[in-house]
PDB file of all heavy atoms in Angstrom:
ATOM      1  N   ILE A   1       0.796  -1.225  -0.068  1.00  0.00           N
ATOM      2  CA  ILE A   1      -0.042   0.041   0.004  1.00  0.00           C
ATOM      3  C   ILE A   1       0.846   1.292  -0.013  1.00  0.00           C
ATOM      4  O   ILE A   1       0.640   2.207  -0.779  1.00  0.00           O
ATOM      5  CB  ILE A   1      -1.003  -0.016   1.221  1.00  0.00           C
ATOM      6  CG1 ILE A   1      -2.037  -1.044   1.006  1.00  0.00           C
ATOM      7  CG2 ILE A   1      -1.612   1.380   1.371  1.00  0.00           C
ATOM      8  CD1 ILE A   1      -2.863  -1.296   2.190  1.00  0.00           C
ATOM      9  N   GLU A   2       1.917   1.241   0.829  1.00  0.00           N
ATOM     10  CA  GLU A   2       2.790   2.408   0.875  1.00  0.00           C
ATOM     11  C   GLU A   2       3.432   2.595  -0.419  1.00  0.00           C
ATOM     12  O   GLU A   2       3.557   3.770  -0.939  1.00  0.00           O
ATOM     13  CB  GLU A   2       3.805   2.167   1.960  1.00  0.00           C
ATOM     14  CG  GLU A   2       4.841   3.342   2.054  1.00  0.00           C
ATOM     15  CD  GLU A   2       5.882   3.193   3.148  1.00  0.00           C
ATOM     16  OE1 GLU A   2       5.894   2.207   3.872  1.00  0.00           O
ATOM     17  OE2 GLU A   2       6.693   4.045   3.246  1.00  0.00           O
ATOM     18  N   LEU A   3       3.975   1.628  -1.012  1.00  0.00           N
ATOM     19  CA  LEU A   3       4.647   1.754  -2.391  1.00  0.00           C
ATOM     20  C   LEU A   3       3.682   2.317  -3.427  1.00  0.00           C
ATOM     21  O   LEU A   3       4.020   3.161  -4.192  1.00  0.00           O
ATOM     22  CB  LEU A   3       5.221   0.442  -2.768  1.00  0.00           C
ATOM     23  CG  LEU A   3       6.340  -0.094  -1.936  1.00  0.00           C
ATOM     24  CD1 LEU A   3       6.789  -1.500  -2.477  1.00  0.00           C
ATOM     25  CD2 LEU A   3       7.548   0.754  -1.870  1.00  0.00           C
ATOM     26  N   GLU A   4       2.470   1.781  -3.446  1.00  0.00           N
ATOM     27  CA  GLU A   4       1.518   2.294  -4.441  1.00  0.00           C
ATOM     28  C   GLU A   4       1.110   3.746  -4.186  1.00  0.00           C
ATOM     29  O   GLU A   4       1.098   4.458  -5.157  1.00  0.00           O
ATOM     30  CB  GLU A   4       0.220   1.442  -4.419  1.00  0.00           C
ATOM     31  CG  GLU A   4      -0.773   1.772  -5.460  1.00  0.00           C
ATOM     32  CD  GLU A   4      -1.986   0.850  -5.432  1.00  0.00           C
ATOM     33  OE1 GLU A   4      -2.008  -0.209  -4.697  1.00  0.00           O
ATOM     34  OE2 GLU A   4      -2.856   1.100  -6.267  1.00  0.00           O
ATOM     35  N   LEU A   5       0.846   4.086  -3.001  1.00  0.00           N
ATOM     36  CA  LEU A   5       0.496   5.488  -2.715  1.00  0.00           C
ATOM     37  C   LEU A   5       1.574   6.412  -2.866  1.00  0.00           C
ATOM     38  O   LEU A   5       1.498   7.592  -3.382  1.00  0.00           O
ATOM     39  CB  LEU A   5      -0.030   5.611  -1.256  1.00  0.00           C
ATOM     40  CG  LEU A   5      -1.244   4.831  -0.975  1.00  0.00           C
ATOM     41  CD1 LEU A   5      -1.751   5.024   0.503  1.00  0.00           C
ATOM     42  CD2 LEU A   5      -2.425   5.440  -1.803  1.00  0.00           C
ATOM     43  N   ARG A   6       2.831   5.934  -2.575  1.00  0.00           N
ATOM     44  CA  ARG A   6       4.069   6.801  -2.808  1.00  0.00           C
ATOM     45  C   ARG A   6       4.261   7.102  -4.265  1.00  0.00           C
ATOM     46  O   ARG A   6       4.611   8.220  -4.771  1.00  0.00           O
ATOM     47  CB  ARG A   6       5.242   6.140  -2.192  1.00  0.00           C
ATOM     48  CG  ARG A   6       6.568   6.993  -2.257  1.00  0.00           C
ATOM     49  CD  ARG A   6       7.688   6.231  -1.650  1.00  0.00           C
ATOM     50  NE  ARG A   6       7.445   5.979  -0.197  1.00  0.00           N
ATOM     51  CZ  ARG A   6       7.629   6.816   0.762  1.00  0.00           C
ATOM     52  NH1 ARG A   6       8.075   8.083   0.560  1.00  0.00           N
ATOM     53  NH2 ARG A   6       7.438   6.430   2.047  1.00  0.00           N
ATOM     54  N   ASP A   7       4.007   6.122  -5.126  1.00  0.00           N
ATOM     55  CA  ASP A   7       4.095   6.199  -6.601  1.00  0.00           C
ATOM     56  C   ASP A   7       3.137   7.341  -7.088  1.00  0.00           C
ATOM     57  O   ASP A   7       3.510   8.189  -7.874  1.00  0.00           O
ATOM     58  CB  ASP A   7       3.764   4.895  -7.373  1.00  0.00           C
ATOM     59  CG  ASP A   7       5.003   3.993  -7.227  1.00  0.00           C
ATOM     60  OD1 ASP A   7       6.026   4.456  -6.924  1.00  0.00           O
ATOM     61  OD2 ASP A   7       4.787   2.783  -7.486  1.00  0.00           O
ATOM     62  N   HIS A   8       1.809   7.305  -6.601  1.00  0.00           N
ATOM     63  CA  HIS A   8       0.875   8.280  -7.021  1.00  0.00           C
ATOM     64  C   HIS A   8       1.282   9.580  -6.550  1.00  0.00           C
ATOM     65  O   HIS A   8       1.247  10.647  -7.280  1.00  0.00           O
ATOM     66  CB  HIS A   8      -0.428   7.921  -6.502  1.00  0.00           C
ATOM     67  CG  HIS A   8      -1.116   6.789  -7.054  1.00  0.00           C
ATOM     68  ND1 HIS A   8      -1.462   6.752  -8.407  1.00  0.00           N
ATOM     69  CD2 HIS A   8      -1.627   5.654  -6.523  1.00  0.00           C
ATOM     70  CE1 HIS A   8      -2.114   5.541  -8.632  1.00  0.00           C
ATOM     71  NE2 HIS A   8      -2.193   4.897  -7.635  1.00  0.00           N
ATOM     72  N   TYR A   9       1.833   9.776  -5.402  1.00  0.00           N
ATOM     73  CA  TYR A   9       2.283  11.096  -4.768  1.00  0.00           C
ATOM     74  C   TYR A   9       3.498  11.548  -5.616  1.00  0.00           C
ATOM     75  O   TYR A   9       3.403  12.786  -6.025  1.00  0.00           O
ATOM     76  CB  TYR A   9       2.613  10.866  -3.344  1.00  0.00           C
ATOM     77  CG  TYR A   9       3.316  12.029  -2.633  1.00  0.00           C
ATOM     78  CD1 TYR A   9       2.635  13.134  -2.357  1.00  0.00           C
ATOM     79  CD2 TYR A   9       4.765  12.015  -2.473  1.00  0.00           C
ATOM     80  CE1 TYR A   9       3.224  14.281  -1.784  1.00  0.00           C
ATOM     81  CE2 TYR A   9       5.373  13.143  -1.915  1.00  0.00           C
ATOM     82  CZ  TYR A   9       4.621  14.136  -1.510  1.00  0.00           C
ATOM     83  OH  TYR A   9       5.309  15.283  -0.949  1.00  0.00           O
ATOM     84  N   GLU A  10       4.444  10.730  -5.866  1.00  0.00           N
ATOM     85  CA  GLU A  10       5.603  11.209  -6.638  1.00  0.00           C
ATOM     86  C   GLU A  10       5.345  11.621  -8.053  1.00  0.00           C
ATOM     87  O   GLU A  10       5.837  12.548  -8.522  1.00  0.00           O
ATOM     88  CB  GLU A  10       6.775  10.132  -6.588  1.00  0.00           C
ATOM     89  CG  GLU A  10       7.303   9.842  -5.231  1.00  0.00           C
ATOM     90  CD  GLU A  10       8.129  10.930  -4.625  1.00  0.00           C
ATOM     91  OE1 GLU A  10       8.436  11.970  -5.421  1.00  0.00           O
ATOM     92  OE2 GLU A  10       8.501  10.899  -3.471  1.00  0.00           O
ATOM     93  N   ASP A  11       4.371  10.866  -8.694  1.00  0.00           N
ATOM     94  CA  ASP A  11       3.973  11.128 -10.031  1.00  0.00           C
ATOM     95  C   ASP A  11       3.305  12.629 -10.036  1.00  0.00           C
ATOM     96  O   ASP A  11       3.538  13.457 -10.995  1.00  0.00           O
ATOM     97  CB  ASP A  11       3.033  10.204 -10.559  1.00  0.00           C
ATOM     98  CG  ASP A  11       3.726   8.871 -10.953  1.00  0.00           C
ATOM     99  OD1 ASP A  11       4.871   8.852 -10.978  1.00  0.00           O
ATOM    100  OD2 ASP A  11       2.982   7.831 -11.076  1.00  0.00           O
ATOM    101  N   HIS A  12       2.420  12.847  -9.014  1.00  0.00           N
ATOM    102  CA  HIS A  12       1.759  14.127  -8.984  1.00  0.00           C
ATOM    103  C   HIS A  12       2.758  15.290  -8.672  1.00  0.00           C
ATOM    104  O   HIS A  12       2.710  16.353  -9.321  1.00  0.00           O
ATOM    105  CB  HIS A  12       0.760  14.124  -7.791  1.00  0.00           C
ATOM    106  CG  HIS A  12      -0.376  15.227  -7.954  1.00  0.00           C
ATOM    107  ND1 HIS A  12      -1.411  15.295  -7.167  1.00  0.00           N
ATOM    108  CD2 HIS A  12      -0.382  16.355  -8.782  1.00  0.00           C
ATOM    109  CE1 HIS A  12      -2.168  16.310  -7.518  1.00  0.00           C
ATOM    110  NE2 HIS A  12      -1.564  17.020  -8.468  1.00  0.00           N
ATOM    111  N   VAL A  13       3.711  15.124  -7.836  1.00  0.00           N
ATOM    112  CA  VAL A  13       4.698  16.098  -7.550  1.00  0.00           C
ATOM    113  C   VAL A  13       5.530  16.478  -8.857  1.00  0.00           C
ATOM    114  O   VAL A  13       5.737  17.521  -9.231  1.00  0.00           O
ATOM    115  CB  VAL A  13       5.741  15.579  -6.429  1.00  0.00           C
ATOM    116  CG1 VAL A  13       6.905  16.462  -6.320  1.00  0.00           C
ATOM    117  CG2 VAL A  13       5.023  15.502  -5.171  1.00  0.00           C
ATOM    118  N   GLN A  14       5.931  15.330  -9.638  1.00  0.00           N
ATOM    119  CA  GLN A  14       6.651  15.561 -10.876  1.00  0.00           C
ATOM    120  C   GLN A  14       5.846  16.351 -11.877  1.00  0.00           C
ATOM    121  O   GLN A  14       6.346  17.178 -12.617  1.00  0.00           O
ATOM    122  CB  GLN A  14       7.089  14.279 -11.439  1.00  0.00           C
ATOM    123  CG  GLN A  14       8.206  13.495 -10.537  1.00  0.00           C
ATOM    124  CD  GLN A  14       9.401  14.535 -10.345  1.00  0.00           C
ATOM    125  OE1 GLN A  14       9.907  15.015 -11.320  1.00  0.00           O
ATOM    126  NE2 GLN A  14       9.935  14.261  -9.225  1.00  0.00           N
ATOM    127  N   ASP A  15       4.521  16.045 -11.920  1.00  0.00           N
ATOM    128  CA  ASP A  15       3.599  16.775 -12.835  1.00  0.00           C
ATOM    129  C   ASP A  15       3.630  18.222 -12.512  1.00  0.00           C
ATOM    130  O   ASP A  15       3.668  19.089 -13.399  1.00  0.00           O
ATOM    131  CB  ASP A  15       2.231  16.271 -12.788  1.00  0.00           C
ATOM    132  CG  ASP A  15       2.135  14.892 -13.450  1.00  0.00           C
ATOM    133  OD1 ASP A  15       2.992  14.555 -14.238  1.00  0.00           O
ATOM    134  OD2 ASP A  15       1.217  14.189 -13.145  1.00  0.00           O
ATOM    135  N   LEU A  16       3.551  18.615 -11.206  1.00  0.00           N
ATOM    136  CA  LEU A  16       3.504  19.961 -10.767  1.00  0.00           C
ATOM    137  C   LEU A  16       4.864  20.569 -10.994  1.00  0.00           C
ATOM    138  O   LEU A  16       4.887  21.833 -11.371  1.00  0.00           O
ATOM    139  CB  LEU A  16       3.111  20.022  -9.285  1.00  0.00           C
ATOM    140  CG  LEU A  16       1.635  19.606  -8.982  1.00  0.00           C
ATOM    141  CD1 LEU A  16       1.426  19.582  -7.519  1.00  0.00           C
ATOM    142  CD2 LEU A  16       0.662  20.637  -9.679  1.00  0.00           C
ATOM    143  N   LEU A  17       5.931  19.899 -10.863  1.00  0.00           N
ATOM    144  CA  LEU A  17       7.197  20.494 -11.095  1.00  0.00           C
ATOM    145  C   LEU A  17       7.391  20.841 -12.558  1.00  0.00           C
ATOM    146  O   LEU A  17       8.026  21.859 -12.829  1.00  0.00           O
ATOM    147  CB  LEU A  17       8.385  19.541 -10.649  1.00  0.00           C
ATOM    148  CG  LEU A  17       8.525  19.346  -9.102  1.00  0.00           C
ATOM    149  CD1 LEU A  17       9.538  18.268  -8.846  1.00  0.00           C
ATOM    150  CD2 LEU A  17       8.844  20.642  -8.467  1.00  0.00           C
ATOM    151  N   ARG A  18       6.938  20.049 -13.425  1.00  0.00           N
ATOM    152  CA  ARG A  18       6.940  20.260 -14.898  1.00  0.00           C
ATOM    153  C   ARG A  18       6.150  21.535 -15.211  1.00  0.00           C
ATOM    154  O   ARG A  18       6.537  22.186 -16.347  1.00  0.00           O
ATOM    155  CB  ARG A  18       6.613  19.044 -15.677  1.00  0.00           C
ATOM    156  CG  ARG A  18       7.630  17.965 -15.771  1.00  0.00           C
ATOM    157  CD  ARG A  18       7.242  16.956 -16.765  1.00  0.00           C
ATOM    158  NE  ARG A  18       6.063  16.090 -16.318  1.00  0.00           N
ATOM    159  CZ  ARG A  18       6.248  14.908 -15.663  1.00  0.00           C
ATOM    160  NH1 ARG A  18       7.419  14.489 -15.362  1.00  0.00           N
ATOM    161  NH2 ARG A  18       5.155  14.242 -15.244  1.00  0.00           N
ATOM    162  N   LEU A  19       5.185  21.802 -14.424  1.00  0.00           N
ATOM    163  CA  LEU A  19       4.410  23.084 -14.700  1.00  0.00           C
ATOM    164  C   LEU A  19       5.047  24.296 -14.076  1.00  0.00           C
ATOM    165  O   LEU A  19       4.489  25.460 -14.241  1.00  0.00           O
ATOM    166  CB  LEU A  19       2.968  22.899 -14.110  1.00  0.00           C
ATOM    167  CG  LEU A  19       2.084  21.868 -14.773  1.00  0.00           C
ATOM    168  CD1 LEU A  19       0.699  21.658 -13.988  1.00  0.00           C
ATOM    169  CD2 LEU A  19       1.783  22.218 -16.227  1.00  0.00           C
ATOM    170  N   GLY A  20       6.198  24.141 -13.502  1.00  0.00           N
ATOM    171  CA  GLY A  20       6.968  25.317 -12.917  1.00  0.00           C
ATOM    172  C   GLY A  20       6.735  25.575 -11.495  1.00  0.00           C
ATOM    173  O   GLY A  20       7.132  26.643 -11.052  1.00  0.00           O
ATOM    174  N   ARG A  21       5.981  24.767 -10.791  1.00  0.00           N
ATOM    175  CA  ARG A  21       5.744  25.014  -9.459  1.00  0.00           C
ATOM    176  C   ARG A  21       7.057  24.644  -8.563  1.00  0.00           C
ATOM    177  O   ARG A  21       7.745  23.820  -8.837  1.00  0.00           O
ATOM    178  CB  ARG A  21       4.632  24.048  -8.870  1.00  0.00           C
ATOM    179  CG  ARG A  21       3.232  24.182  -9.555  1.00  0.00           C
ATOM    180  CD  ARG A  21       2.675  25.590  -9.428  1.00  0.00           C
ATOM    181  NE  ARG A  21       1.282  25.582  -9.910  1.00  0.00           N
ATOM    182  CZ  ARG A  21       0.977  25.766 -11.223  1.00  0.00           C
ATOM    183  NH1 ARG A  21       1.919  25.930 -12.059  1.00  0.00           N
ATOM    184  NH2 ARG A  21      -0.318  25.691 -11.519  1.00  0.00           N
ATOM    185  N   PRO A  22       7.271  25.505  -7.488  1.00  0.00           N
ATOM    186  CA  PRO A  22       8.441  25.190  -6.593  1.00  0.00           C
ATOM    187  C   PRO A  22       8.214  23.785  -5.911  1.00  0.00           C
ATOM    188  O   PRO A  22       6.964  23.437  -5.760  1.00  0.00           O
ATOM    189  CB  PRO A  22       8.327  26.369  -5.572  1.00  0.00           C
ATOM    190  CG  PRO A  22       7.432  27.404  -6.185  1.00  0.00           C
ATOM    191  CD  PRO A  22       6.574  26.721  -7.194  1.00  0.00           C
ATOM    192  N   ARG A  23       9.259  23.181  -5.618  1.00  0.00           N
ATOM    193  CA  ARG A  23       9.089  21.810  -4.996  1.00  0.00           C
ATOM    194  C   ARG A  23       8.288  21.770  -3.767  1.00  0.00           C
ATOM    195  O   ARG A  23       7.427  20.875  -3.638  1.00  0.00           O
ATOM    196  CB  ARG A  23      10.510  21.231  -4.771  1.00  0.00           C
ATOM    197  CG  ARG A  23      10.439  19.857  -3.995  1.00  0.00           C
ATOM    198  CD  ARG A  23      11.806  19.142  -4.034  1.00  0.00           C
ATOM    199  NE  ARG A  23      12.027  18.600  -5.373  1.00  0.00           N
ATOM    200  CZ  ARG A  23      11.497  17.448  -5.779  1.00  0.00           C
ATOM    201  NH1 ARG A  23      10.702  16.672  -4.999  1.00  0.00           N
ATOM    202  NH2 ARG A  23      11.800  16.988  -6.979  1.00  0.00           N
ATOM    203  N   GLU A  24       8.561  22.720  -2.877  1.00  0.00           N
ATOM    204  CA  GLU A  24       7.788  22.751  -1.618  1.00  0.00           C
ATOM    205  C   GLU A  24       6.322  22.828  -1.857  1.00  0.00           C
ATOM    206  O   GLU A  24       5.466  22.166  -1.306  1.00  0.00           O
ATOM    207  CB  GLU A  24       8.281  23.857  -0.692  1.00  0.00           C
ATOM    208  CG  GLU A  24       7.630  23.815   0.683  1.00  0.00           C
ATOM    209  CD  GLU A  24       8.212  24.801   1.597  1.00  0.00           C
ATOM    210  OE1 GLU A  24       9.221  25.419   1.270  1.00  0.00           O
ATOM    211  OE2 GLU A  24       7.646  24.956   2.724  1.00  0.00           O
ATOM    212  N   LEU A  25       5.960  23.815  -2.835  1.00  0.00           N
ATOM    213  CA  LEU A  25       4.470  23.957  -3.157  1.00  0.00           C
ATOM    214  C   LEU A  25       3.945  22.675  -3.804  1.00  0.00           C
ATOM    215  O   LEU A  25       2.872  22.321  -3.506  1.00  0.00           O
ATOM    216  CB  LEU A  25       4.366  25.241  -4.016  1.00  0.00           C
ATOM    217  CG  LEU A  25       2.921  25.490  -4.483  1.00  0.00           C
ATOM    218  CD1 LEU A  25       2.008  25.779  -3.226  1.00  0.00           C
ATOM    219  CD2 LEU A  25       2.931  26.701  -5.389  1.00  0.00           C
ATOM    220  N   ALA A  26       4.762  22.119  -4.724  1.00  0.00           N
ATOM    221  CA  ALA A  26       4.368  20.971  -5.423  1.00  0.00           C
ATOM    222  C   ALA A  26       4.082  19.784  -4.517  1.00  0.00           C
ATOM    223  O   ALA A  26       3.092  19.032  -4.655  1.00  0.00           O
ATOM    224  CB  ALA A  26       5.367  20.548  -6.453  1.00  0.00           C
ATOM    225  N   GLU A  27       4.895  19.613  -3.505  1.00  0.00           N
ATOM    226  CA  GLU A  27       4.740  18.517  -2.553  1.00  0.00           C
ATOM    227  C   GLU A  27       3.524  18.749  -1.682  1.00  0.00           C
ATOM    228  O   GLU A  27       2.788  17.872  -1.319  1.00  0.00           O
ATOM    229  CB  GLU A  27       5.929  18.430  -1.637  1.00  0.00           C
ATOM    230  CG  GLU A  27       7.188  17.866  -2.478  1.00  0.00           C
ATOM    231  CD  GLU A  27       8.415  17.793  -1.592  1.00  0.00           C
ATOM    232  OE1 GLU A  27       8.459  18.244  -0.534  1.00  0.00           O
ATOM    233  OE2 GLU A  27       9.451  17.089  -2.004  1.00  0.00           O
ATOM    234  N   GLU A  28       3.305  20.040  -1.451  1.00  0.00           N
ATOM    235  CA  GLU A  28       2.107  20.404  -0.565  1.00  0.00           C
ATOM    236  C   GLU A  28       0.752  20.155  -1.268  1.00  0.00           C
ATOM    237  O   GLU A  28      -0.141  19.558  -0.799  1.00  0.00           O
ATOM    238  CB  GLU A  28       2.192  21.858  -0.091  1.00  0.00           C
ATOM    239  CG  GLU A  28       1.040  22.353   0.736  1.00  0.00           C
ATOM    240  CD  GLU A  28       1.133  23.812   1.095  1.00  0.00           C
ATOM    241  OE1 GLU A  28       2.240  24.348   0.914  1.00  0.00           O
ATOM    242  OE2 GLU A  28       0.169  24.369   1.648  1.00  0.00           O
ATOM    243  N   ARG A  29       0.757  20.504  -2.540  1.00  0.00           N
ATOM    244  CA  ARG A  29      -0.455  20.395  -3.364  1.00  0.00           C
ATOM    245  C   ARG A  29      -0.699  18.886  -3.618  1.00  0.00           C
ATOM    246  O   ARG A  29      -1.804  18.457  -3.666  1.00  0.00           O
ATOM    247  CB  ARG A  29      -0.270  21.095  -4.730  1.00  0.00           C
ATOM    248  CG  ARG A  29      -0.231  22.603  -4.517  1.00  0.00           C
ATOM    249  CD  ARG A  29      -1.667  23.194  -4.168  1.00  0.00           C
ATOM    250  NE  ARG A  29      -1.659  24.572  -4.155  1.00  0.00           N
ATOM    251  CZ  ARG A  29      -1.445  25.398  -3.137  1.00  0.00           C
ATOM    252  NH1 ARG A  29      -1.169  24.732  -1.902  1.00  0.00           N
ATOM    253  NH2 ARG A  29      -1.441  26.649  -3.150  1.00  0.00           N
ATOM    254  N   ALA A  30       0.322  18.110  -3.893  1.00  0.00           N
ATOM    255  CA  ALA A  30       0.229  16.684  -4.145  1.00  0.00           C
ATOM    256  C   ALA A  30      -0.299  15.977  -2.976  1.00  0.00           C
ATOM    257  O   ALA A  30      -1.097  15.051  -3.069  1.00  0.00           O
ATOM    258  CB  ALA A  30       1.622  16.127  -4.651  1.00  0.00           C
ATOM    259  N   LEU A  31       0.229  16.414  -1.709  1.00  0.00           N
ATOM    260  CA  LEU A  31      -0.277  15.749  -0.473  1.00  0.00           C
ATOM    261  C   LEU A  31      -1.748  16.076  -0.316  1.00  0.00           C
ATOM    262  O   LEU A  31      -2.596  15.149   0.143  1.00  0.00           O
ATOM    263  CB  LEU A  31       0.524  16.241   0.689  1.00  0.00           C
ATOM    264  CG  LEU A  31       0.168  15.623   2.032  1.00  0.00           C
ATOM    265  CD1 LEU A  31       0.238  14.060   1.977  1.00  0.00           C
ATOM    266  CD2 LEU A  31       1.087  16.119   3.179  1.00  0.00           C
TER     267      LEU A  31
END
């Protein structure tokens, strides 16, 4: 469960980073 949810979270963070969001904001929005 942890691995699957972590993959979803990391994918969302990467999508936001590609849109130019700062990492801290991207991680906050993904969470």
